[in-house]
Amino acid sequence: MKLSHPIRVLLLGAPGSGKGTQTSRLLKDFPINSLSSGDILRSQIKERTPVGITAQEYITNGSLVPDKVMIDLITGHLKTHNWLNSSTNWLLDGFPRTKPQAIELNKVLGSRSCPLNLVVELDVPQSLILQRIEARWVHLNSGRVYNLDYNPPKVPYKDDITGEPLTKRDDDTAAVFQKRLDGYNEEIKGLRQVYEEEGVLFKISGETSDIIYPQLKQLVLDKFS
């Protein structure tokens, strides 16, 4: 589907709320570039870069990666890929996560005349998120995610494409994930404040991606078609 004017959208939501799934569906329906902070971090961790080593320590402990590390990583990626202009459509998933990150991002985007024009918070029950995490397995090389309850691999614990073994991420346990949810619940307050003041924040609620996505798609159509 074509857009009448450029879209610069941020998806907010607790870890495990399905931001990656919603992003994938949006990319199929709209001409949008995407940037996932989680994918970038995992790439850095896999390559054992200084940023990756530092980030791994925080992630393993269920803590958020420090603001400065994330700000430098994401804004650098935006500049490298020449997305900081008034004509490119793009979507951010997982960044910013804190008020200081949001404020710094606004400065960078404002200086290039390409501010965010849509921020969507995915509202999913957190008790359900914890159930999903216990059943989540991933193919680390590709980032493909499976859930044993509702999106199982064709062969148990094997990737559908390569047949390679699936693994559990270090932070995919209820105990560690609860720490991440607690951190999110505290940090989201500041993010809401920033984007409510700018008039670009919307909330979409639901228990599954099939409930949430039609609402998200219609919101994009209403604002940009």
N, C-alpha and C. Protein backbone atom coordinates (compact mmCIF):
# COMPACT_ATOMS: atom_id res chain seq x y z
N MET A 1 0.84 -1.20 0.00
CA MET A 1 0.00 0.00 0.00
C MET A 1 0.87 1.25 0.00
N LYS A 2 0.47 2.26 -0.75
CA LYS A 2 1.22 3.50 -0.80
C LYS A 2 0.81 4.43 0.34
N LEU A 3 1.74 5.27 0.73
CA LEU A 3 1.48 6.26 1.77
C LEU A 3 1.45 7.64 1.13
N SER A 4 0.57 8.50 1.63
CA SER A 4 0.43 9.84 1.06
C SER A 4 1.55 10.76 1.49
N HIS A 5 2.14 10.48 2.63
CA HIS A 5 3.29 11.26 3.11
C HIS A 5 4.15 10.38 4.00
N PRO A 6 5.41 10.74 4.20
CA PRO A 6 6.34 9.86 4.93
C PRO A 6 5.87 9.52 6.33
N ILE A 7 6.14 8.29 6.73
CA ILE A 7 5.80 7.83 8.07
C ILE A 7 7.09 7.54 8.82
N ARG A 8 7.17 8.06 10.03
CA ARG A 8 8.29 7.78 10.93
C ARG A 8 7.67 7.33 12.24
N VAL A 9 7.62 6.03 12.41
CA VAL A 9 6.82 5.44 13.49
C VAL A 9 7.70 4.71 14.50
N LEU A 10 7.29 4.78 15.75
CA LEU A 10 7.94 4.07 16.85
C LEU A 10 6.92 3.14 17.47
N LEU A 11 7.29 1.86 17.63
CA LEU A 11 6.45 0.91 18.35
C LEU A 11 6.97 0.75 19.76
N LEU A 12 6.10 1.01 20.73
CA LEU A 12 6.42 0.80 22.13
C LEU A 12 5.67 -0.43 22.62
N GLY A 13 6.19 -1.06 23.64
CA GLY A 13 5.52 -2.22 24.21
C GLY A 13 6.49 -2.98 25.09
N ALA A 14 5.95 -3.67 26.06
CA ALA A 14 6.79 -4.44 26.97
C ALA A 14 7.57 -5.50 26.20
N PRO A 15 8.71 -5.92 26.72
CA PRO A 15 9.43 -7.04 26.10
C PRO A 15 8.48 -8.23 25.96
N GLY A 16 8.44 -8.83 24.78
CA GLY A 16 7.56 -9.96 24.57
C GLY A 16 6.15 -9.60 24.15
N SER A 17 5.89 -8.30 23.91
CA SER A 17 4.53 -7.88 23.56
C SER A 17 4.22 -8.08 22.08
N GLY A 18 5.22 -8.43 21.29
CA GLY A 18 4.98 -8.73 19.88
C GLY A 18 5.35 -7.62 18.93
N LYS A 19 6.27 -6.75 19.34
CA LYS A 19 6.66 -5.64 18.46
C LYS A 19 7.29 -6.17 17.16
N GLY A 20 8.09 -7.21 17.27
CA GLY A 20 8.72 -7.78 16.08
C GLY A 20 7.69 -8.35 15.11
N THR A 21 6.68 -9.02 15.64
CA THR A 21 5.63 -9.59 14.80
C THR A 21 4.85 -8.49 14.10
N GLN A 22 4.51 -7.43 14.84
CA GLN A 22 3.76 -6.33 14.23
C GLN A 22 4.61 -5.62 13.16
N THR A 23 5.89 -5.49 13.44
CA THR A 23 6.78 -4.88 12.45
C THR A 23 6.80 -5.68 11.16
N SER A 24 6.93 -7.00 11.27
CA SER A 24 6.96 -7.86 10.09
C SER A 24 5.70 -7.71 9.25
N ARG A 25 4.57 -7.60 9.91
CA ARG A 25 3.30 -7.48 9.19
C ARG A 25 3.17 -6.11 8.53
N LEU A 26 3.64 -5.08 9.21
CA LEU A 26 3.62 -3.75 8.62
C LEU A 26 4.49 -3.68 7.37
N LEU A 27 5.66 -4.32 7.42
CA LEU A 27 6.58 -4.28 6.29
C LEU A 27 5.99 -4.97 5.06
N LYS A 28 5.11 -5.93 5.26
CA LYS A 28 4.47 -6.60 4.14
C LYS A 28 3.41 -5.72 3.49
N ASP A 29 2.81 -4.83 4.27
CA ASP A 29 1.70 -4.02 3.77
C ASP A 29 2.08 -2.61 3.37
N PHE A 30 3.21 -2.12 3.89
CA PHE A 30 3.59 -0.74 3.64
C PHE A 30 5.08 -0.64 3.28
N PRO A 31 5.46 0.36 2.47
CA PRO A 31 6.86 0.53 2.06
C PRO A 31 7.68 1.22 3.16
N ILE A 32 8.00 0.47 4.21
CA ILE A 32 8.67 1.04 5.38
C ILE A 32 9.97 0.31 5.63
N ASN A 33 11.03 1.06 5.95
CA ASN A 33 12.28 0.47 6.43
C ASN A 33 12.14 0.25 7.93
N SER A 34 12.79 -0.77 8.47
CA SER A 34 12.68 -1.03 9.90
C SER A 34 14.05 -1.13 10.56
N LEU A 35 14.08 -0.74 11.81
CA LEU A 35 15.29 -0.82 12.61
C LEU A 35 14.90 -1.39 13.97
N SER A 36 15.40 -2.56 14.28
CA SER A 36 15.15 -3.20 15.57
C SER A 36 16.39 -3.10 16.45
N SER A 37 16.26 -2.43 17.58
CA SER A 37 17.40 -2.32 18.48
C SER A 37 17.85 -3.69 18.97
N GLY A 38 16.88 -4.60 19.14
CA GLY A 38 17.23 -5.94 19.58
C GLY A 38 18.08 -6.68 18.56
N ASP A 39 17.71 -6.55 17.28
CA ASP A 39 18.49 -7.21 16.22
C ASP A 39 19.90 -6.65 16.15
N ILE A 40 20.01 -5.32 16.26
CA ILE A 40 21.33 -4.69 16.21
C ILE A 40 22.18 -5.15 17.39
N LEU A 41 21.59 -5.18 18.56
CA LEU A 41 22.33 -5.62 19.75
C LEU A 41 22.77 -7.07 19.62
N ARG A 42 21.87 -7.92 19.14
CA ARG A 42 22.23 -9.34 18.99
C ARG A 42 23.37 -9.51 18.00
N SER A 43 23.36 -8.70 16.95
CA SER A 43 24.46 -8.75 15.99
C SER A 43 25.76 -8.35 16.63
N GLN A 44 25.72 -7.30 17.46
CA GLN A 44 26.93 -6.83 18.15
C GLN A 44 27.42 -7.89 19.15
N ILE A 45 26.48 -8.54 19.82
CA ILE A 45 26.84 -9.58 20.79
C ILE A 45 27.47 -10.78 20.08
N LYS A 46 26.88 -11.17 18.97
CA LYS A 46 27.40 -12.31 18.21
C LYS A 46 28.81 -12.05 17.71
N GLU A 47 29.05 -10.80 17.27
CA GLU A 47 30.36 -10.44 16.74
C GLU A 47 31.37 -10.11 17.83
N ARG A 48 30.91 -10.13 19.09
CA ARG A 48 31.78 -9.87 20.24
C ARG A 48 32.46 -8.51 20.14
N THR A 49 31.71 -7.52 19.69
CA THR A 49 32.23 -6.15 19.66
C THR A 49 32.24 -5.61 21.08
N PRO A 50 32.96 -4.52 21.33
CA PRO A 50 32.95 -3.92 22.68
C PRO A 50 31.54 -3.59 23.15
N VAL A 51 30.71 -3.04 22.25
CA VAL A 51 29.33 -2.74 22.62
C VAL A 51 28.57 -4.03 22.94
N GLY A 52 28.81 -5.07 22.14
CA GLY A 52 28.12 -6.33 22.36
C GLY A 52 28.48 -6.99 23.67
N ILE A 53 29.76 -6.95 24.02
CA ILE A 53 30.21 -7.55 25.29
C ILE A 53 29.58 -6.81 26.47
N THR A 54 29.58 -5.49 26.40
CA THR A 54 28.98 -4.69 27.47
C THR A 54 27.48 -4.96 27.57
N ALA A 55 26.81 -4.99 26.42
CA ALA A 55 25.37 -5.20 26.41
C ALA A 55 25.00 -6.57 26.96
N GLN A 56 25.78 -7.59 26.64
CA GLN A 56 25.49 -8.95 27.08
C GLN A 56 25.44 -9.05 28.60
N GLU A 57 26.32 -8.34 29.26
CA GLU A 57 26.35 -8.38 30.72
C GLU A 57 25.05 -7.85 31.30
N TYR A 58 24.56 -6.77 30.75
CA TYR A 58 23.31 -6.20 31.24
C TYR A 58 22.11 -7.09 30.91
N ILE A 59 22.06 -7.59 29.67
CA ILE A 59 20.93 -8.40 29.24
C ILE A 59 20.83 -9.68 30.04
N THR A 60 21.97 -10.33 30.29
CA THR A 60 21.98 -11.58 31.06
C THR A 60 21.42 -11.38 32.46
N ASN A 61 21.66 -10.20 33.02
CA ASN A 61 21.17 -9.89 34.36
C ASN A 61 19.75 -9.34 34.36
N GLY A 62 19.15 -9.25 33.17
CA GLY A 62 17.80 -8.74 33.07
C GLY A 62 17.70 -7.23 33.19
N SER A 63 18.82 -6.53 32.95
CA SER A 63 18.85 -5.07 33.06
C SER A 63 18.84 -4.44 31.67
N LEU A 64 18.44 -3.15 31.62
CA LEU A 64 18.48 -2.41 30.37
C LEU A 64 19.90 -1.98 30.05
N VAL A 65 20.23 -1.97 28.78
CA VAL A 65 21.52 -1.47 28.34
C VAL A 65 21.55 0.04 28.59
N PRO A 66 22.68 0.59 29.08
CA PRO A 66 22.76 2.03 29.41
C PRO A 66 22.36 2.93 28.25
N ASP A 67 21.77 4.07 28.60
CA ASP A 67 21.26 5.01 27.60
C ASP A 67 22.31 5.41 26.57
N LYS A 68 23.49 5.78 27.03
CA LYS A 68 24.51 6.29 26.11
C LYS A 68 24.89 5.25 25.06
N VAL A 69 24.99 3.99 25.48
CA VAL A 69 25.34 2.92 24.54
C VAL A 69 24.27 2.81 23.46
N MET A 70 23.01 2.83 23.88
CA MET A 70 21.91 2.69 22.93
C MET A 70 21.79 3.90 22.02
N ILE A 71 21.92 5.10 22.57
CA ILE A 71 21.80 6.32 21.77
C ILE A 71 22.85 6.34 20.66
N ASP A 72 24.10 6.07 21.02
CA ASP A 72 25.18 6.06 20.03
C ASP A 72 24.95 4.99 18.97
N LEU A 73 24.49 3.83 19.39
CA LEU A 73 24.30 2.71 18.48
C LEU A 73 23.19 3.00 17.46
N ILE A 74 22.05 3.47 17.94
CA ILE A 74 20.89 3.65 17.06
C ILE A 74 21.02 4.89 16.18
N THR A 75 21.41 6.01 16.75
CA THR A 75 21.55 7.21 15.93
C THR A 75 22.65 7.03 14.88
N GLY A 76 23.69 6.29 15.24
CA GLY A 76 24.74 5.99 14.27
C GLY A 76 24.20 5.17 13.11
N HIS A 77 23.32 4.21 13.43
CA HIS A 77 22.72 3.38 12.38
C HIS A 77 21.83 4.23 11.47
N LEU A 78 21.05 5.12 12.04
CA LEU A 78 20.17 5.99 11.24
C LEU A 78 20.98 6.85 10.28
N LYS A 79 22.09 7.38 10.77
CA LYS A 79 22.93 8.23 9.93
C LYS A 79 23.61 7.42 8.84
N THR A 80 24.13 6.26 9.19
CA THR A 80 24.85 5.41 8.23
C THR A 80 23.94 5.00 7.07
N HIS A 81 22.68 4.72 7.36
CA HIS A 81 21.75 4.27 6.33
C HIS A 81 20.98 5.41 5.67
N ASN A 82 21.37 6.64 6.00
CA ASN A 82 20.79 7.83 5.36
C ASN A 82 19.27 7.89 5.52
N TRP A 83 18.80 7.58 6.71
CA TRP A 83 17.36 7.65 6.98
C TRP A 83 16.96 9.00 7.56
N LEU A 84 17.92 9.82 7.91
CA LEU A 84 17.60 11.09 8.57
C LEU A 84 17.31 12.17 7.52
N ASN A 85 16.18 11.98 6.84
CA ASN A 85 15.72 12.96 5.86
C ASN A 85 14.19 13.00 5.92
N SER A 86 13.61 13.94 5.22
CA SER A 86 12.16 14.16 5.32
C SER A 86 11.34 13.29 4.38
N SER A 87 11.97 12.38 3.63
CA SER A 87 11.23 11.59 2.64
C SER A 87 11.26 10.09 2.88
N THR A 88 12.10 9.61 3.77
CA THR A 88 12.24 8.16 4.00
C THR A 88 11.25 7.66 5.04
N ASN A 89 10.58 6.55 4.73
CA ASN A 89 9.66 5.90 5.68
C ASN A 89 10.45 4.93 6.55
N TRP A 90 10.30 5.03 7.86
CA TRP A 90 10.99 4.07 8.71
C TRP A 90 10.24 3.82 10.02
N LEU A 91 10.59 2.72 10.62
CA LEU A 91 9.97 2.27 11.87
C LEU A 91 11.05 1.86 12.84
N LEU A 92 10.91 2.32 14.08
CA LEU A 92 11.82 1.93 15.15
C LEU A 92 11.12 0.94 16.08
N ASP A 93 11.83 -0.12 16.43
CA ASP A 93 11.31 -1.15 17.33
C ASP A 93 12.32 -1.33 18.46
N GLY A 94 11.91 -0.95 19.67
CA GLY A 94 12.76 -1.19 20.84
C GLY A 94 13.63 -0.03 21.27
N PHE A 95 13.59 1.06 20.55
CA PHE A 95 14.35 2.26 20.90
C PHE A 95 13.56 3.47 20.46
N PRO A 96 13.44 4.48 21.33
CA PRO A 96 14.01 4.60 22.68
C PRO A 96 13.20 3.83 23.73
N ARG A 97 13.89 3.49 24.83
CA ARG A 97 13.25 2.79 25.93
C ARG A 97 13.16 3.65 27.19
N THR A 98 13.85 4.76 27.22
CA THR A 98 13.84 5.62 28.40
C THR A 98 13.59 7.06 27.97
N LYS A 99 13.19 7.88 28.92
CA LYS A 99 12.94 9.29 28.62
C LYS A 99 14.19 9.99 28.11
N PRO A 100 15.36 9.81 28.74
CA PRO A 100 16.57 10.45 28.20
C PRO A 100 16.87 10.03 26.76
N GLN A 101 16.64 8.75 26.42
CA GLN A 101 16.84 8.29 25.05
C GLN A 101 15.87 9.00 24.12
N ALA A 102 14.62 9.15 24.53
CA ALA A 102 13.61 9.80 23.70
C ALA A 102 13.97 11.26 23.46
N ILE A 103 14.41 11.93 24.50
CA ILE A 103 14.77 13.34 24.37
C ILE A 103 15.95 13.51 23.43
N GLU A 104 16.96 12.66 23.57
CA GLU A 104 18.13 12.75 22.71
C GLU A 104 17.77 12.42 21.26
N LEU A 105 16.93 11.41 21.07
CA LEU A 105 16.50 11.06 19.71
C LEU A 105 15.74 12.22 19.09
N ASN A 106 14.87 12.87 19.86
CA ASN A 106 14.12 14.01 19.34
C ASN A 106 15.05 15.12 18.86
N LYS A 107 16.15 15.32 19.59
CA LYS A 107 17.11 16.35 19.20
C LYS A 107 17.74 16.02 17.84
N VAL A 108 18.14 14.74 17.69
CA VAL A 108 18.76 14.31 16.44
C VAL A 108 17.78 14.42 15.28
N LEU A 109 16.55 13.92 15.47
CA LEU A 109 15.55 13.95 14.41
C LEU A 109 15.12 15.38 14.09
N GLY A 110 14.97 16.21 15.13
CA GLY A 110 14.58 17.58 14.91
C GLY A 110 15.60 18.37 14.13
N SER A 111 16.88 18.07 14.36
CA SER A 111 17.95 18.78 13.64
C SER A 111 17.97 18.43 12.16
N ARG A 112 17.33 17.29 11.81
CA ARG A 112 17.26 16.87 10.40
C ARG A 112 15.86 17.05 9.81
N SER A 113 14.98 17.70 10.56
CA SER A 113 13.59 17.95 10.10
C SER A 113 12.84 16.67 9.76
N CYS A 114 13.05 15.63 10.58
CA CYS A 114 12.33 14.37 10.36
C CYS A 114 11.88 13.77 11.69
N PRO A 115 11.04 14.50 12.44
CA PRO A 115 10.60 14.00 13.75
C PRO A 115 9.67 12.81 13.62
N LEU A 116 9.55 12.04 14.69
CA LEU A 116 8.56 10.97 14.74
C LEU A 116 7.17 11.57 14.54
N ASN A 117 6.33 10.91 13.73
CA ASN A 117 4.97 11.40 13.56
C ASN A 117 3.91 10.38 13.96
N LEU A 118 4.33 9.23 14.50
CA LEU A 118 3.40 8.26 15.07
C LEU A 118 4.13 7.38 16.07
N VAL A 119 3.60 7.31 17.28
CA VAL A 119 4.13 6.43 18.32
C VAL A 119 2.98 5.55 18.79
N VAL A 120 3.14 4.24 18.71
CA VAL A 120 2.08 3.30 19.07
C VAL A 120 2.55 2.41 20.21
N GLU A 121 1.78 2.41 21.29
CA GLU A 121 2.07 1.52 22.42
C GLU A 121 1.21 0.27 22.30
N LEU A 122 1.87 -0.90 22.24
CA LEU A 122 1.16 -2.17 22.22
C LEU A 122 0.88 -2.61 23.64
N ASP A 123 -0.39 -2.72 23.98
CA ASP A 123 -0.82 -3.03 25.34
C ASP A 123 -1.25 -4.49 25.41
N VAL A 124 -0.38 -5.35 25.95
CA VAL A 124 -0.63 -6.79 26.06
C VAL A 124 -0.52 -7.18 27.53
N PRO A 125 -1.46 -7.99 28.08
CA PRO A 125 -1.37 -8.40 29.49
C PRO A 125 -0.02 -9.02 29.80
N GLN A 126 0.62 -8.54 30.86
CA GLN A 126 1.97 -9.00 31.15
C GLN A 126 2.01 -10.43 31.70
N SER A 127 0.91 -10.88 32.29
CA SER A 127 0.86 -12.29 32.72
C SER A 127 0.92 -13.20 31.50
N LEU A 128 0.30 -12.77 30.42
CA LEU A 128 0.34 -13.54 29.18
C LEU A 128 1.74 -13.52 28.56
N ILE A 129 2.41 -12.38 28.66
CA ILE A 129 3.78 -12.27 28.14
C ILE A 129 4.70 -13.27 28.82
N LEU A 130 4.59 -13.41 30.13
CA LEU A 130 5.44 -14.35 30.86
C LEU A 130 5.19 -15.78 30.41
N GLN A 131 3.93 -16.12 30.12
CA GLN A 131 3.63 -17.46 29.61
C GLN A 131 4.29 -17.67 28.25
N ARG A 132 4.24 -16.65 27.41
CA ARG A 132 4.85 -16.76 26.08
C ARG A 132 6.36 -16.98 26.17
N ILE A 133 6.99 -16.27 27.10
CA ILE A 133 8.45 -16.33 27.20
C ILE A 133 8.92 -17.73 27.55
N GLU A 134 8.22 -18.38 28.43
CA GLU A 134 8.60 -19.73 28.82
C GLU A 134 8.55 -20.69 27.63
N ALA A 135 7.69 -20.37 26.65
CA ALA A 135 7.52 -21.26 25.50
C ALA A 135 8.26 -20.77 24.26
N ARG A 136 9.08 -19.72 24.39
CA ARG A 136 9.74 -19.12 23.23
C ARG A 136 11.12 -19.73 22.99
N TRP A 137 11.38 -20.10 21.73
CA TRP A 137 12.67 -20.60 21.28
C TRP A 137 13.07 -19.84 20.03
N VAL A 138 14.38 -19.70 19.80
CA VAL A 138 14.84 -18.89 18.67
C VAL A 138 15.93 -19.62 17.88
N HIS A 139 16.02 -19.21 16.60
CA HIS A 139 17.15 -19.62 15.76
C HIS A 139 18.09 -18.43 15.76
N LEU A 140 19.19 -18.55 16.45
CA LEU A 140 20.05 -17.40 16.72
C LEU A 140 20.65 -16.80 15.46
N ASN A 141 21.03 -17.61 14.49
CA ASN A 141 21.69 -17.08 13.30
C ASN A 141 20.79 -16.16 12.48
N SER A 142 19.49 -16.46 12.45
CA SER A 142 18.56 -15.68 11.63
C SER A 142 17.68 -14.74 12.45
N GLY A 143 17.53 -15.06 13.75
CA GLY A 143 16.62 -14.27 14.57
C GLY A 143 15.18 -14.76 14.52
N ARG A 144 14.91 -15.86 13.77
CA ARG A 144 13.54 -16.38 13.71
C ARG A 144 13.10 -16.87 15.08
N VAL A 145 11.86 -16.53 15.43
CA VAL A 145 11.33 -16.82 16.75
C VAL A 145 10.17 -17.80 16.63
N TYR A 146 10.15 -18.79 17.49
CA TYR A 146 9.07 -19.76 17.55
C TYR A 146 8.47 -19.78 18.95
N ASN A 147 7.20 -20.17 19.02
CA ASN A 147 6.55 -20.36 20.31
C ASN A 147 5.90 -21.74 20.31
N LEU A 148 6.23 -22.54 21.29
CA LEU A 148 5.76 -23.92 21.32
C LEU A 148 4.25 -24.00 21.44
N ASP A 149 3.60 -22.93 21.92
CA ASP A 149 2.15 -22.95 22.12
C ASP A 149 1.37 -22.57 20.88
N TYR A 150 1.80 -21.50 20.17
CA TYR A 150 0.98 -21.02 19.06
C TYR A 150 1.74 -20.84 17.74
N ASN A 151 3.06 -20.97 17.74
CA ASN A 151 3.83 -20.88 16.50
C ASN A 151 4.99 -21.87 16.56
N PRO A 152 4.67 -23.17 16.71
CA PRO A 152 5.74 -24.16 16.90
C PRO A 152 6.48 -24.44 15.60
N PRO A 153 7.75 -24.87 15.70
CA PRO A 153 8.48 -25.30 14.51
C PRO A 153 7.88 -26.59 13.96
N LYS A 154 8.08 -26.83 12.66
CA LYS A 154 7.53 -28.03 12.03
C LYS A 154 8.12 -29.29 12.66
N VAL A 155 9.43 -29.22 12.96
CA VAL A 155 10.11 -30.31 13.67
C VAL A 155 10.47 -29.77 15.05
N PRO A 156 10.08 -30.44 16.12
CA PRO A 156 10.33 -29.92 17.46
C PRO A 156 11.78 -29.47 17.67
N TYR A 157 11.91 -28.20 18.11
CA TYR A 157 13.20 -27.62 18.48
C TYR A 157 14.20 -27.52 17.32
N LYS A 158 13.65 -27.49 16.05
CA LYS A 158 14.50 -27.32 14.87
C LYS A 158 13.97 -26.14 14.06
N ASP A 159 14.88 -25.35 13.48
CA ASP A 159 14.48 -24.24 12.63
C ASP A 159 13.83 -24.75 11.35
N ASP A 160 12.72 -24.12 10.93
CA ASP A 160 11.98 -24.58 9.75
C ASP A 160 12.80 -24.46 8.47
N ILE A 161 13.66 -23.47 8.37
CA ILE A 161 14.39 -23.22 7.12
C ILE A 161 15.68 -24.02 7.04
N THR A 162 16.47 -23.99 8.10
CA THR A 162 17.80 -24.61 8.05
C THR A 162 17.85 -25.99 8.71
N GLY A 163 16.89 -26.29 9.56
CA GLY A 163 16.93 -27.54 10.31
C GLY A 163 17.89 -27.52 11.48
N GLU A 164 18.51 -26.36 11.72
CA GLU A 164 19.46 -26.24 12.82
C GLU A 164 18.72 -26.18 14.16
N PRO A 165 19.40 -26.54 15.25
CA PRO A 165 18.74 -26.54 16.57
C PRO A 165 18.31 -25.13 17.00
N LEU A 166 17.17 -25.07 17.66
CA LEU A 166 16.71 -23.83 18.29
C LEU A 166 17.30 -23.75 19.69
N THR A 167 17.39 -22.54 20.21
CA THR A 167 17.94 -22.35 21.55
C THR A 167 17.07 -21.38 22.33
N LYS A 168 17.30 -21.34 23.63
CA LYS A 168 16.67 -20.36 24.50
C LYS A 168 17.64 -19.20 24.69
N ARG A 169 17.15 -17.97 24.57
CA ARG A 169 17.98 -16.83 24.91
C ARG A 169 18.24 -16.82 26.41
N ASP A 170 19.35 -16.21 26.79
CA ASP A 170 19.72 -16.17 28.20
C ASP A 170 18.65 -15.51 29.06
N ASP A 171 17.92 -14.55 28.47
CA ASP A 171 16.94 -13.81 29.26
C ASP A 171 15.52 -14.35 29.11
N ASP A 172 15.35 -15.49 28.42
CA ASP A 172 14.02 -16.05 28.21
C ASP A 172 13.61 -17.01 29.33
N THR A 173 13.62 -16.51 30.56
CA THR A 173 13.07 -17.23 31.70
C THR A 173 12.15 -16.27 32.43
N ALA A 174 11.17 -16.81 33.12
CA ALA A 174 10.19 -15.95 33.80
C ALA A 174 10.86 -15.05 34.84
N ALA A 175 11.83 -15.60 35.57
CA ALA A 175 12.48 -14.82 36.64
C ALA A 175 13.24 -13.63 36.07
N VAL A 176 14.06 -13.89 35.06
CA VAL A 176 14.83 -12.80 34.44
C VAL A 176 13.90 -11.84 33.72
N PHE A 177 12.90 -12.38 33.04
CA PHE A 177 12.01 -11.53 32.25
C PHE A 177 11.16 -10.62 33.13
N GLN A 178 10.82 -11.09 34.31
CA GLN A 178 10.04 -10.25 35.22
C GLN A 178 10.82 -8.98 35.57
N LYS A 179 12.13 -9.11 35.71
CA LYS A 179 12.95 -7.93 35.97
C LYS A 179 12.86 -6.94 34.82
N ARG A 180 12.87 -7.47 33.59
CA ARG A 180 12.76 -6.59 32.43
C ARG A 180 11.40 -5.92 32.39
N LEU A 181 10.35 -6.64 32.73
CA LEU A 181 9.01 -6.06 32.75
C LEU A 181 8.92 -4.96 33.82
N ASP A 182 9.52 -5.22 34.97
CA ASP A 182 9.50 -4.20 36.04
C ASP A 182 10.20 -2.93 35.57
N GLY A 183 11.34 -3.11 34.89
CA GLY A 183 12.06 -1.97 34.37
C GLY A 183 11.25 -1.22 33.32
N TYR A 184 10.60 -1.98 32.44
CA TYR A 184 9.76 -1.36 31.41
C TYR A 184 8.63 -0.55 32.04
N ASN A 185 7.97 -1.13 33.03
CA ASN A 185 6.83 -0.46 33.65
C ASN A 185 7.23 0.87 34.27
N GLU A 186 8.45 0.96 34.73
CA GLU A 186 8.93 2.22 35.30
C GLU A 186 9.32 3.21 34.21
N GLU A 187 10.02 2.73 33.20
CA GLU A 187 10.53 3.63 32.16
C GLU A 187 9.45 4.13 31.20
N ILE A 188 8.39 3.34 31.00
CA ILE A 188 7.36 3.74 30.02
C ILE A 188 6.65 5.01 30.45
N LYS A 189 6.65 5.31 31.74
CA LYS A 189 5.97 6.52 32.22
C LYS A 189 6.59 7.77 31.58
N GLY A 190 7.91 7.82 31.54
CA GLY A 190 8.58 8.97 30.97
C GLY A 190 8.38 9.05 29.46
N LEU A 191 8.38 7.89 28.79
CA LEU A 191 8.16 7.87 27.35
C LEU A 191 6.76 8.37 27.01
N ARG A 192 5.77 7.89 27.76
CA ARG A 192 4.41 8.37 27.52
C ARG A 192 4.33 9.88 27.66
N GLN A 193 4.99 10.41 28.66
CA GLN A 193 4.95 11.85 28.88
C GLN A 193 5.51 12.61 27.68
N VAL A 194 6.66 12.15 27.18
CA VAL A 194 7.30 12.83 26.04
C VAL A 194 6.38 12.83 24.82
N TYR A 195 5.82 11.67 24.49
CA TYR A 195 5.07 11.55 23.24
C TYR A 195 3.62 12.01 23.36
N GLU A 196 3.07 11.98 24.57
CA GLU A 196 1.75 12.58 24.77
C GLU A 196 1.83 14.09 24.57
N GLU A 197 2.90 14.71 25.07
CA GLU A 197 3.07 16.15 24.91
C GLU A 197 3.21 16.54 23.44
N GLU A 198 3.76 15.62 22.64
CA GLU A 198 3.93 15.89 21.21
C GLU A 198 2.67 15.55 20.40
N GLY A 199 1.72 14.89 21.04
CA GLY A 199 0.47 14.56 20.38
C GLY A 199 0.56 13.44 19.37
N VAL A 200 1.54 12.55 19.51
CA VAL A 200 1.72 11.48 18.53
C VAL A 200 1.51 10.09 19.12
N LEU A 201 1.12 9.99 20.39
CA LEU A 201 1.02 8.69 21.07
C LEU A 201 -0.38 8.10 20.95
N PHE A 202 -0.43 6.81 20.56
CA PHE A 202 -1.67 6.05 20.49
C PHE A 202 -1.44 4.70 21.18
N LYS A 203 -2.51 4.14 21.77
CA LYS A 203 -2.40 2.83 22.41
C LYS A 203 -3.35 1.85 21.74
N ILE A 204 -2.84 0.63 21.49
CA ILE A 204 -3.64 -0.44 20.92
C ILE A 204 -3.56 -1.65 21.85
N SER A 205 -4.71 -2.19 22.24
CA SER A 205 -4.75 -3.28 23.21
C SER A 205 -5.23 -4.58 22.58
N GLY A 206 -4.73 -5.69 23.11
CA GLY A 206 -5.16 -7.00 22.65
C GLY A 206 -4.27 -8.09 23.21
N GLU A 207 -4.74 -9.33 23.12
CA GLU A 207 -3.98 -10.46 23.65
C GLU A 207 -3.16 -11.18 22.59
N THR A 208 -3.51 -11.01 21.32
CA THR A 208 -2.78 -11.70 20.25
C THR A 208 -2.46 -10.72 19.13
N SER A 209 -1.51 -11.12 18.29
CA SER A 209 -1.13 -10.28 17.15
C SER A 209 -2.29 -10.14 16.17
N ASP A 210 -3.13 -11.16 16.07
CA ASP A 210 -4.26 -11.10 15.14
C ASP A 210 -5.33 -10.12 15.60
N ILE A 211 -5.36 -9.83 16.88
CA ILE A 211 -6.28 -8.82 17.40
C ILE A 211 -5.67 -7.43 17.27
N ILE A 212 -4.38 -7.34 17.52
CA ILE A 212 -3.71 -6.04 17.51
C ILE A 212 -3.46 -5.52 16.10
N TYR A 213 -3.02 -6.40 15.20
CA TYR A 213 -2.58 -5.89 13.90
C TYR A 213 -3.66 -5.16 13.10
N PRO A 214 -4.89 -5.68 13.01
CA PRO A 214 -5.90 -4.93 12.24
C PRO A 214 -6.09 -3.51 12.77
N GLN A 215 -5.99 -3.33 14.08
CA GLN A 215 -6.10 -1.99 14.65
C GLN A 215 -4.91 -1.13 14.24
N LEU A 216 -3.73 -1.73 14.28
CA LEU A 216 -2.51 -1.00 13.91
C LEU A 216 -2.54 -0.61 12.44
N LYS A 217 -2.91 -1.53 11.59
CA LYS A 217 -2.98 -1.25 10.16
C LYS A 217 -3.96 -0.13 9.87
N GLN A 218 -5.13 -0.17 10.51
CA GLN A 218 -6.13 0.86 10.26
C GLN A 218 -5.65 2.23 10.74
N LEU A 219 -4.92 2.25 11.86
CA LEU A 219 -4.38 3.50 12.36
C LEU A 219 -3.42 4.11 11.34
N VAL A 220 -2.55 3.29 10.77
CA VAL A 220 -1.61 3.78 9.76
C VAL A 220 -2.37 4.30 8.53
N LEU A 221 -3.37 3.56 8.11
CA LEU A 221 -4.17 3.97 6.94
C LEU A 221 -4.86 5.30 7.21
N ASP A 222 -5.43 5.44 8.39
CA ASP A 222 -6.16 6.66 8.72
C ASP A 222 -5.26 7.88 8.70
N LYS A 223 -4.01 7.69 9.12
CA LYS A 223 -3.12 8.84 9.27
C LYS A 223 -2.27 9.13 8.03
N PHE A 224 -2.01 8.09 7.21
CA PHE A 224 -1.01 8.27 6.15
C PHE A 224 -1.47 7.90 4.75
N SER A 225 -2.71 7.45 4.58
CA SER A 225 -3.16 7.08 3.23
C SER A 225 -4.03 8.18 2.63
